C-alpha cells in the first residue's frame, strides 16, 4: 500500500496539471518618436552645437526626426553633408527648423528667436543666469512653452553633467592659454609653463576649488608647475587634493596669504563660483599692479562678474588686453574655443536624454517618471517653476511637482 501510494504521488508530482501556467502580460509601449530641431547659433562667439552627426545617426536610426538649419555645424567643423548622411534633414530657413516639437540650442534664444517659438514646444538650452532679466523670462512665458536649462539638469548621482563637462574643458584649456601667453611670441614673460631640471618652476595660483580648478591644477602639475589653490570651502579643498592625488598647497581665502602669492605668481586663474549672485572674493587692483610685468591673469568667471578688479569682458576674436603690463584673458564661454570637443561632450549627454524622453512617451511623461530631470525645468506649460528666478525678480511661480501630478 505504501509503495503504491509512493508511485501515484510520483506520477502526480511530475504531472503538468499542477504546474502554474505562465501567460504574457500586456505591456504598454509608451515609446514615442521625437521631432527635434537644431537651429544655427546666432549668439556672439557661440561655436558649439548640441549633437554630432554620429549622435544624429543614432537617434534617427531609432526613428526620430531631426531637422538642422544649414550651417549649424560649421563652427564645430561639421558639414551639412555629414548631418544629411547621418539621417538629419537640412533646412534652409529658421522658420522650418522651429517647426520641431523640441528645440535644442546651446546659447539661450535671442528675443528675435523667441518669436519663432510656439505654444507646447519644449526648448532645451543654456539660460545664463548672470545675464538674466525679468523681461527675458516674461518673453518666454508669453510663448506658453516648456523650457529646460541644461546647466540645471541633474543626473541620477545628483551632479550636473553639462556643467561638469564644460568645466572640465575650461579647466584643461586655461593652462594651454596661459602657456601661450607666457611665451615671448605673445610678449609675455618668456618663461615655460612648468619647469625643467635646474630651473625653478613657474608659479600658478588658482582661486576656487571646483571642477575648473581641479582640471587646471592637473594640467599645471603635469607640466611641472608649482600650484597653489585658494577657496573658503574646506570640503572642496579636501576633495580637490583627494581627486588629484597630490599634496598640493591649499588655503582658505586669507587675503594676506593670497595677495602675497598673487604678487609672485606667473599665472593666476580666477575660477570661483558665484554664491547668491556674488563672487566671494574680489582681488583688488592695487595687488594686480604689483605683479611682475608679462604675468597672465585668466578670469574664468568673468560671465559672473569676475574675481579681479581689473577684469573686463573680452572675446575670442580679441581675447586679451594689458593693464599694469599684466596680460588679462577674460573671455566667457572658454569651452567654445574648442567647439568640436565641447560638442562631443554635449552630444554624449543629450543623446541618452532624448532616448529616455522617447522611452517614456514624451517630455511630460519623463518628468513625471524621473524626478532628476525636473531640476532643469524653469518654465512648464507657460508657467514659471523655478523658485530662484521667481525670488530674484519678485515673480510668482508654481510648484512643478504639483503641475506634473495633475498634468492631465
Protein backbone atom coordinates (compact mmCIF):
# COMPACT_ATOMS: atom_id res chain seq x y z
CA UNK A 1 0.00 0.00 0.00
CA UNK A 2 2.76 2.35 0.93
CA UNK A 3 4.74 1.52 -2.24
CA UNK A 4 1.67 2.04 -4.48
CA UNK A 5 0.97 5.37 -2.80
CA UNK A 6 4.52 6.49 -3.42
CA UNK A 7 4.24 5.62 -7.14
CA UNK A 8 0.98 7.52 -7.51
CA UNK A 9 2.43 10.50 -5.66
CA UNK A 10 5.42 10.48 -8.02
CA UNK A 11 3.13 10.50 -11.08
CA UNK A 12 1.17 13.38 -9.62
CA UNK A 13 4.33 15.36 -8.88
CA UNK A 14 5.55 15.07 -12.49
CA UNK A 15 2.17 15.92 -13.97
CA UNK A 16 1.95 19.27 -15.77
CA UNK A 17 -1.58 19.72 -14.43
CA UNK A 18 -0.37 21.10 -11.11
CA UNK A 19 2.29 23.39 -12.56
CA UNK A 20 1.45 27.13 -12.65
CA UNK A 21 0.74 28.37 -16.15
CA UNK A 22 2.58 31.48 -17.39
CA UNK A 23 0.74 33.96 -19.53
CA UNK A 24 2.02 37.06 -21.30
CA UNK A 25 1.15 40.28 -19.56
CA UNK A 26 0.29 43.11 -21.92
CA UNK A 27 2.94 45.79 -21.57
CA UNK A 28 2.09 49.29 -22.70
CA UNK A 29 4.57 50.54 -25.29
CA UNK A 30 4.89 54.21 -24.46
CA UNK A 31 7.79 54.87 -26.83
CA UNK A 32 7.29 57.99 -28.89
CA UNK A 33 9.28 59.24 -31.84
CA UNK A 34 10.65 62.73 -31.30
CA UNK A 35 10.83 65.69 -33.68
CA UNK A 36 13.97 67.67 -32.81
CA UNK A 37 15.04 70.96 -34.37
CA UNK A 38 18.60 72.32 -34.16
CA UNK A 39 18.87 75.98 -35.21
CA UNK A 40 22.10 77.66 -36.26
CA UNK A 41 23.55 79.57 -33.31
CA UNK A 42 23.31 83.32 -33.74
CA UNK A 43 24.78 84.42 -30.40
CA UNK A 44 28.19 86.08 -30.46
CA UNK A 45 31.12 83.60 -30.31
CA UNK A 46 28.95 80.55 -29.69
CA UNK A 47 30.58 77.83 -31.79
CA UNK A 48 29.12 74.68 -30.24
CA UNK A 49 26.17 72.57 -31.38
CA UNK A 50 24.10 70.12 -29.35
CA UNK A 51 24.54 66.90 -31.38
CA UNK A 52 27.30 65.42 -33.51
CA UNK A 53 26.50 63.60 -36.79
CA UNK A 54 27.18 60.27 -35.04
CA UNK A 55 24.61 61.12 -32.37
CA UNK A 56 22.14 62.21 -35.05
CA UNK A 57 22.55 58.84 -36.79
CA UNK A 58 21.97 57.01 -33.51
CA UNK A 59 18.74 58.94 -32.91
CA UNK A 60 17.43 58.79 -36.49
CA UNK A 61 18.08 55.04 -36.54
CA UNK A 62 15.69 54.87 -33.58
CA UNK A 63 13.03 56.56 -35.70
CA UNK A 64 13.36 60.17 -34.54
CA UNK A 65 13.12 63.12 -36.94
CA UNK A 66 15.91 65.67 -36.70
CA UNK A 67 15.91 68.90 -38.69
CA UNK A 68 19.03 71.03 -38.63
CA UNK A 69 19.48 74.51 -40.02
CA UNK A 70 22.09 74.75 -42.78
CA UNK A 71 25.49 75.78 -41.47
CA UNK A 72 24.68 74.99 -37.84
CA UNK A 73 27.61 72.59 -37.51
CA UNK A 74 30.20 74.67 -39.38
CA UNK A 75 31.76 76.38 -36.32
CA UNK A 76 32.35 72.90 -34.83
CA UNK A 77 33.80 71.71 -38.17
CA UNK A 78 30.82 69.50 -39.06
CA UNK A 79 29.38 69.88 -42.55
CA UNK A 80 25.75 69.83 -43.65
CA UNK A 81 26.64 66.77 -45.74
CA UNK A 82 27.73 64.86 -42.62
CA UNK A 83 24.43 65.61 -40.89
CA UNK A 84 22.45 64.74 -44.02
CA UNK A 85 24.28 61.40 -44.38
CA UNK A 86 23.52 60.71 -40.69
CA UNK A 87 19.79 60.97 -41.39
CA UNK A 88 19.01 64.59 -40.47
CA UNK A 89 17.04 66.86 -42.76
CA UNK A 90 18.99 70.02 -43.54
CA UNK A 91 16.64 73.00 -43.79
CA UNK A 92 17.48 76.45 -45.08
CA UNK A 93 15.32 78.78 -43.04
CA UNK A 94 14.84 79.40 -39.35
CA UNK A 95 11.06 79.12 -39.85
CA UNK A 96 11.43 75.48 -40.88
CA UNK A 97 13.68 74.37 -38.04
CA UNK A 98 11.31 75.89 -35.46
CA UNK A 99 8.53 73.59 -36.68
CA UNK A 100 10.01 70.88 -34.46
CA UNK A 101 8.42 69.92 -31.14
CA UNK A 102 11.77 70.04 -29.30
CA UNK A 103 14.26 72.83 -29.98
CA UNK A 104 17.85 72.10 -28.94
CA UNK A 105 20.13 75.14 -28.70
CA UNK A 106 23.37 75.81 -26.88
CA UNK A 107 23.06 79.56 -26.28
CA UNK A 108 19.76 80.93 -24.97
CA UNK A 109 17.48 82.08 -27.78
CA UNK A 110 17.64 85.78 -28.59
CA UNK A 111 14.49 87.90 -28.43
CA UNK A 112 14.14 87.51 -32.21
CA UNK A 113 14.44 83.73 -31.92
CA UNK A 114 11.87 83.61 -29.12
CA UNK A 115 9.32 84.90 -31.61
CA UNK A 116 9.60 81.65 -33.57
CA UNK A 117 8.60 79.50 -30.57
CA UNK A 118 5.09 78.02 -30.49
CA UNK A 119 2.85 77.03 -27.55
CA UNK A 120 3.52 73.49 -26.42
CA UNK A 121 7.10 73.34 -27.72
CA UNK A 122 9.98 72.33 -25.49
CA UNK A 123 13.12 74.46 -25.51
CA UNK A 124 16.39 72.93 -24.25
CA UNK A 125 19.24 75.45 -24.00
CA UNK A 126 21.51 77.29 -21.62
CA UNK A 127 19.99 80.11 -19.60
CA UNK A 128 22.99 82.22 -18.45
CA UNK A 129 21.69 83.25 -15.05
CA UNK A 130 24.24 86.05 -14.71
CA UNK A 131 22.69 87.97 -17.63
CA UNK A 132 19.07 87.04 -16.96
CA UNK A 133 16.35 89.72 -16.84
CA UNK A 134 12.67 89.63 -15.94
CA UNK A 135 11.81 90.89 -19.44
CA UNK A 136 13.52 87.86 -20.95
CA UNK A 137 11.65 85.42 -18.69
CA UNK A 138 8.35 87.14 -19.46
CA UNK A 139 9.05 86.90 -23.19
CA UNK A 140 9.44 83.13 -22.82
CA UNK A 141 6.40 82.83 -20.55
CA UNK A 142 4.21 84.52 -23.17
CA UNK A 143 5.04 81.72 -25.59
CA UNK A 144 3.40 79.05 -23.36
CA UNK A 145 6.29 76.62 -23.80
CA UNK A 146 8.25 74.18 -21.69
CA UNK A 147 11.80 75.46 -21.09
CA UNK A 148 14.69 73.42 -19.73
CA UNK A 149 18.06 74.88 -18.75
CA UNK A 150 20.72 72.28 -19.38
CA UNK A 151 23.02 73.91 -16.81
CA UNK A 152 20.49 72.89 -14.15
CA UNK A 153 19.83 69.32 -15.30
CA UNK A 154 20.98 66.76 -12.77
CA UNK A 155 21.69 63.10 -13.33
CA UNK A 156 20.92 60.18 -11.03
CA UNK A 157 24.03 60.94 -8.97
CA UNK A 158 22.68 64.48 -8.36
CA UNK A 159 25.60 66.07 -10.24
CA UNK A 160 25.14 68.50 -13.15
CA UNK A 161 26.60 66.68 -16.17
CA UNK A 162 26.69 69.62 -18.61
CA UNK A 163 28.28 72.00 -16.09
CA UNK A 164 30.77 69.31 -15.14
CA UNK A 165 31.74 68.58 -18.76
CA UNK A 166 32.15 72.23 -19.74
CA UNK A 167 34.12 72.93 -16.54
CA UNK A 168 36.49 70.06 -17.31
CA UNK A 169 37.11 71.53 -20.75
CA UNK A 170 37.60 75.04 -19.39
CA UNK A 171 39.99 73.85 -16.69
CA UNK A 172 42.13 71.90 -19.13
CA UNK A 173 42.09 74.71 -21.70
CA UNK A 174 43.11 77.59 -19.41
CA UNK A 175 46.57 76.17 -18.87
CA UNK A 176 47.11 75.90 -22.62
CA UNK A 177 46.07 79.54 -22.89
CA UNK A 178 48.40 80.51 -20.05
CA UNK A 179 51.33 78.71 -21.69
CA UNK A 180 50.61 80.51 -24.95
CA UNK A 181 50.61 83.99 -23.43
CA UNK A 182 53.62 83.42 -21.17
CA UNK A 183 55.81 82.91 -24.23
CA UNK A 184 57.81 85.77 -25.71
CA UNK A 185 55.97 85.32 -29.04
CA UNK A 186 52.99 86.95 -27.30
CA UNK A 187 55.20 89.45 -25.47
CA UNK A 188 54.80 87.51 -22.23
CA UNK A 189 57.39 86.84 -19.55
CA UNK A 190 59.21 84.44 -21.83
CA UNK A 191 59.00 81.52 -19.41
CA UNK A 192 57.79 77.97 -19.85
CA UNK A 193 54.65 76.93 -18.00
CA UNK A 194 56.05 74.24 -15.75
CA UNK A 195 59.69 73.60 -15.07
CA UNK A 196 62.82 71.80 -16.15
CA UNK A 197 65.79 70.38 -14.28
CA UNK A 198 67.80 73.06 -12.52
CA UNK A 199 65.30 75.87 -13.21
CA UNK A 200 62.67 76.91 -10.64
CA UNK A 201 59.14 76.02 -11.81
CA UNK A 202 56.63 78.65 -12.82
CA UNK A 203 54.07 79.58 -10.16
CA UNK A 204 50.34 79.13 -10.66
CA UNK A 205 47.71 80.46 -8.26
CA UNK A 206 44.13 79.23 -8.62
CA UNK A 207 41.16 80.89 -6.93
CA UNK A 208 38.45 78.30 -6.40
CA UNK A 209 38.50 74.55 -5.84
CA UNK A 210 35.71 73.32 -8.10
CA UNK A 211 35.89 71.34 -11.33
CA UNK A 212 37.61 74.09 -13.35
CA UNK A 213 40.25 74.43 -10.64
CA UNK A 214 40.75 70.68 -10.41
CA UNK A 215 41.43 70.25 -14.12
CA UNK A 216 43.56 73.40 -14.30
CA UNK A 217 45.63 72.11 -11.37
CA UNK A 218 46.01 68.69 -13.02
CA UNK A 219 47.30 70.28 -16.22
CA UNK A 220 49.68 72.65 -14.41
CA UNK A 221 51.06 69.92 -12.16
CA UNK A 222 51.53 67.66 -15.16
CA UNK A 223 53.73 70.33 -16.73
CA UNK A 224 55.74 70.66 -13.53
CA UNK A 225 54.40 73.99 -12.27
CA UNK A 226 54.11 74.94 -8.61
CA UNK A 227 50.38 75.17 -7.89
CA UNK A 228 48.57 76.85 -5.01
CA UNK A 229 44.79 76.69 -4.63
CA UNK A 230 42.58 79.00 -2.55
CA UNK A 231 38.94 78.52 -1.58
CA UNK A 232 36.84 79.17 1.52
CA UNK A 233 35.16 75.76 1.37
CA UNK A 234 37.39 73.28 3.19
CA UNK A 235 35.47 70.30 1.83
CA UNK A 236 36.18 71.47 -1.74
CA UNK A 237 39.88 71.83 -1.00
CA UNK A 238 39.94 68.38 0.59
CA UNK A 239 38.07 66.86 -2.37
CA UNK A 240 40.44 68.52 -4.85
CA UNK A 241 43.51 67.12 -3.09
CA UNK A 242 41.91 63.69 -2.97
CA UNK A 243 40.90 63.72 -6.65
CA UNK A 244 44.31 64.92 -7.82
CA UNK A 245 46.15 62.55 -5.52
CA UNK A 246 48.81 65.09 -4.71
CA UNK A 247 49.62 67.08 -1.58
CA UNK A 248 49.45 70.48 -3.25
CA UNK A 249 49.31 73.76 -1.33
CA UNK A 250 45.75 74.72 -0.36
CA UNK A 251 44.46 77.61 1.72
CA UNK A 252 41.33 79.49 2.60
CA UNK A 253 40.89 82.94 1.06
CA UNK A 254 43.10 84.66 3.61
CA UNK A 255 43.85 87.95 1.86
CA UNK A 256 47.30 88.36 3.40
CA UNK A 257 48.46 84.94 2.17
CA UNK A 258 46.53 85.13 -1.12
CA UNK A 259 47.75 88.59 -2.13
CA UNK A 260 51.35 87.69 -1.34
CA UNK A 261 51.13 84.61 -3.57
CA UNK A 262 49.43 86.53 -6.40
CA UNK A 263 52.21 89.11 -6.46
CA UNK A 264 54.76 86.33 -7.01
CA UNK A 265 52.70 84.27 -9.47
CA UNK A 266 53.35 83.80 -13.18
CA UNK A 267 49.74 82.75 -13.80
CA UNK A 268 46.59 83.47 -11.78
CA UNK A 269 43.35 81.65 -12.60
CA UNK A 270 40.03 83.01 -11.33
CA UNK A 271 37.63 80.07 -11.01
CA UNK A 272 35.45 80.94 -8.03
CA UNK A 273 31.77 80.05 -8.09
CA UNK A 274 29.25 82.82 -7.50
CA UNK A 275 27.17 82.33 -4.37
CA UNK A 276 23.82 84.10 -4.20
CA UNK A 277 24.81 86.01 -7.31
CA UNK A 278 28.11 87.30 -5.87
CA UNK A 279 31.74 86.23 -6.21
CA UNK A 280 33.13 85.52 -2.74
CA UNK A 281 36.46 87.27 -3.32
CA UNK A 282 37.49 90.23 -5.45
CA UNK A 283 41.23 90.75 -5.91
CA UNK A 284 41.99 94.45 -5.62
CA UNK A 285 43.57 96.47 -8.41
CA UNK A 286 46.48 97.51 -6.21
CA UNK A 287 47.52 93.86 -5.89
CA UNK A 288 47.42 93.29 -9.67
CA UNK A 289 49.62 96.36 -10.13
CA UNK A 290 52.35 94.70 -8.06
CA UNK A 291 52.59 91.55 -10.19
CA UNK A 292 55.58 91.04 -12.47
CA UNK A 293 55.15 92.51 -15.99
CA UNK A 294 54.10 89.88 -18.52
CA UNK A 295 52.30 87.72 -15.95
CA UNK A 296 48.97 86.23 -17.01
CA UNK A 297 45.52 86.51 -15.43
CA UNK A 298 42.70 84.29 -16.74
CA UNK A 299 39.29 85.12 -15.31
CA UNK A 300 37.10 82.09 -15.97
CA UNK A 301 34.18 83.56 -14.01
CA UNK A 302 34.03 86.81 -15.99
CA UNK A 303 30.45 85.98 -17.02
CA UNK A 304 29.52 86.15 -13.32
CA UNK A 305 31.22 89.50 -12.80
CA UNK A 306 34.79 88.24 -12.49
CA UNK A 307 37.03 87.96 -9.44
CA UNK A 308 39.67 90.60 -10.28
CA UNK A 309 39.01 94.31 -10.00
CA UNK A 310 40.87 94.82 -13.29
CA UNK A 311 38.79 92.28 -15.26
CA UNK A 312 36.97 93.46 -18.40
CA UNK A 313 34.96 91.29 -20.79
CA UNK A 314 36.87 90.20 -23.91
CA UNK A 315 36.06 87.93 -26.88
CA UNK A 316 37.60 85.05 -28.81
CA UNK A 317 38.48 87.46 -31.61
CA UNK A 318 40.17 89.92 -29.21
CA UNK A 319 40.91 87.76 -26.17
CA UNK A 320 43.43 89.83 -24.21
CA UNK A 321 44.31 93.29 -23.01
CA UNK A 322 47.05 94.63 -20.76
CA UNK A 323 46.68 96.58 -17.57
CA UNK A 324 49.77 97.43 -15.49
CA UNK A 325 51.52 95.34 -18.19
CA UNK A 326 49.69 92.25 -16.90
CA UNK A 327 48.06 90.15 -19.61
CA UNK A 328 44.34 89.71 -18.91
CA UNK A 329 42.37 86.95 -20.65
CA UNK A 330 38.68 87.46 -19.79
CA UNK A 331 36.75 85.52 -22.45
CA UNK A 332 33.46 83.98 -21.29
CA UNK A 333 32.50 80.57 -22.61
CA UNK A 334 36.04 79.20 -22.87
CA UNK A 335 34.65 75.81 -23.96
CA UNK A 336 33.60 77.45 -27.23
CA UNK A 337 37.30 77.91 -28.01
CA UNK A 338 37.41 74.13 -28.64
CA UNK A 339 33.88 73.67 -30.04
CA UNK A 340 34.35 70.22 -31.55
CA UNK A 341 35.44 68.76 -28.22
CA UNK A 342 32.65 70.61 -26.43
CA UNK A 343 30.09 69.43 -28.99
CA UNK A 344 31.14 65.82 -28.45
CA UNK A 345 30.76 66.28 -24.69
CA UNK A 346 27.29 67.84 -25.05
CA UNK A 347 26.24 65.15 -27.50
CA UNK A 348 27.21 62.40 -25.06
CA UNK A 349 24.81 63.96 -22.54
CA UNK A 350 21.86 64.86 -24.79
CA UNK A 351 21.69 61.63 -26.80
CA UNK A 352 20.70 59.39 -23.85
CA UNK A 353 18.37 62.12 -22.57
CA UNK A 354 16.45 62.09 -25.87
CA UNK A 355 16.36 58.29 -25.84
CA UNK A 356 14.86 58.37 -22.35
CA UNK A 357 12.30 61.02 -23.30
CA UNK A 358 11.26 58.79 -26.19
CA UNK A 359 11.15 55.69 -24.00
CA UNK A 360 8.70 57.25 -21.55
CA UNK A 361 6.50 58.77 -24.23
CA UNK A 362 7.43 62.45 -24.23
CA UNK A 363 8.55 65.36 -22.06
CA UNK A 364 5.55 65.32 -19.73
CA UNK A 365 5.88 61.60 -19.06
CA UNK A 366 9.63 61.61 -18.46
CA UNK A 367 9.27 64.47 -15.97
CA UNK A 368 6.51 62.58 -14.18
CA UNK A 369 8.60 59.40 -14.01
CA UNK A 370 12.12 60.76 -13.46
CA UNK A 371 12.47 63.35 -10.74
CA UNK A 372 16.14 64.14 -11.51
CA UNK A 373 15.18 65.78 -14.84
CA UNK A 374 12.82 68.23 -13.14
CA UNK A 375 15.72 70.27 -11.76
CA UNK A 376 16.36 71.69 -15.23
CA UNK A 377 12.80 72.88 -15.86
CA UNK A 378 12.20 76.58 -15.26
CA UNK A 379 9.05 77.01 -17.37
CA UNK A 380 6.34 74.35 -17.66
CA UNK A 381 3.30 74.85 -19.86
CA UNK A 382 3.83 78.59 -19.81
CA UNK A 383 4.24 78.93 -16.03
CA UNK A 384 7.42 79.81 -14.15
CA UNK A 385 8.50 76.88 -11.97
CA UNK A 386 11.95 77.96 -10.75
CA UNK A 387 11.89 79.42 -7.22
CA UNK A 388 15.33 81.05 -7.57
CA UNK A 389 14.28 83.04 -10.65
CA UNK A 390 10.97 83.95 -9.06
CA UNK A 391 12.72 85.26 -5.94
CA UNK A 392 15.29 87.21 -7.96
CA UNK A 393 12.68 89.12 -9.95
CA UNK A 394 9.76 89.10 -7.49
CA UNK A 395 7.65 86.91 -9.78
CA UNK A 396 5.03 84.31 -8.99
CA UNK A 397 5.81 80.66 -9.65
CA UNK A 398 4.15 77.28 -9.43
CA UNK A 399 5.45 74.05 -7.93
CA UNK A 400 6.49 71.83 -10.83
CA UNK A 401 5.76 68.62 -8.91
CA UNK A 402 2.13 69.63 -8.36
CA UNK A 403 1.69 70.67 -12.00
CA UNK A 404 3.05 67.36 -13.25
CA UNK A 405 0.88 65.39 -10.84
CA UNK A 406 -2.27 66.93 -12.36
CA UNK A 407 -0.87 67.17 -15.90
CA UNK A 408 -3.92 65.55 -17.39
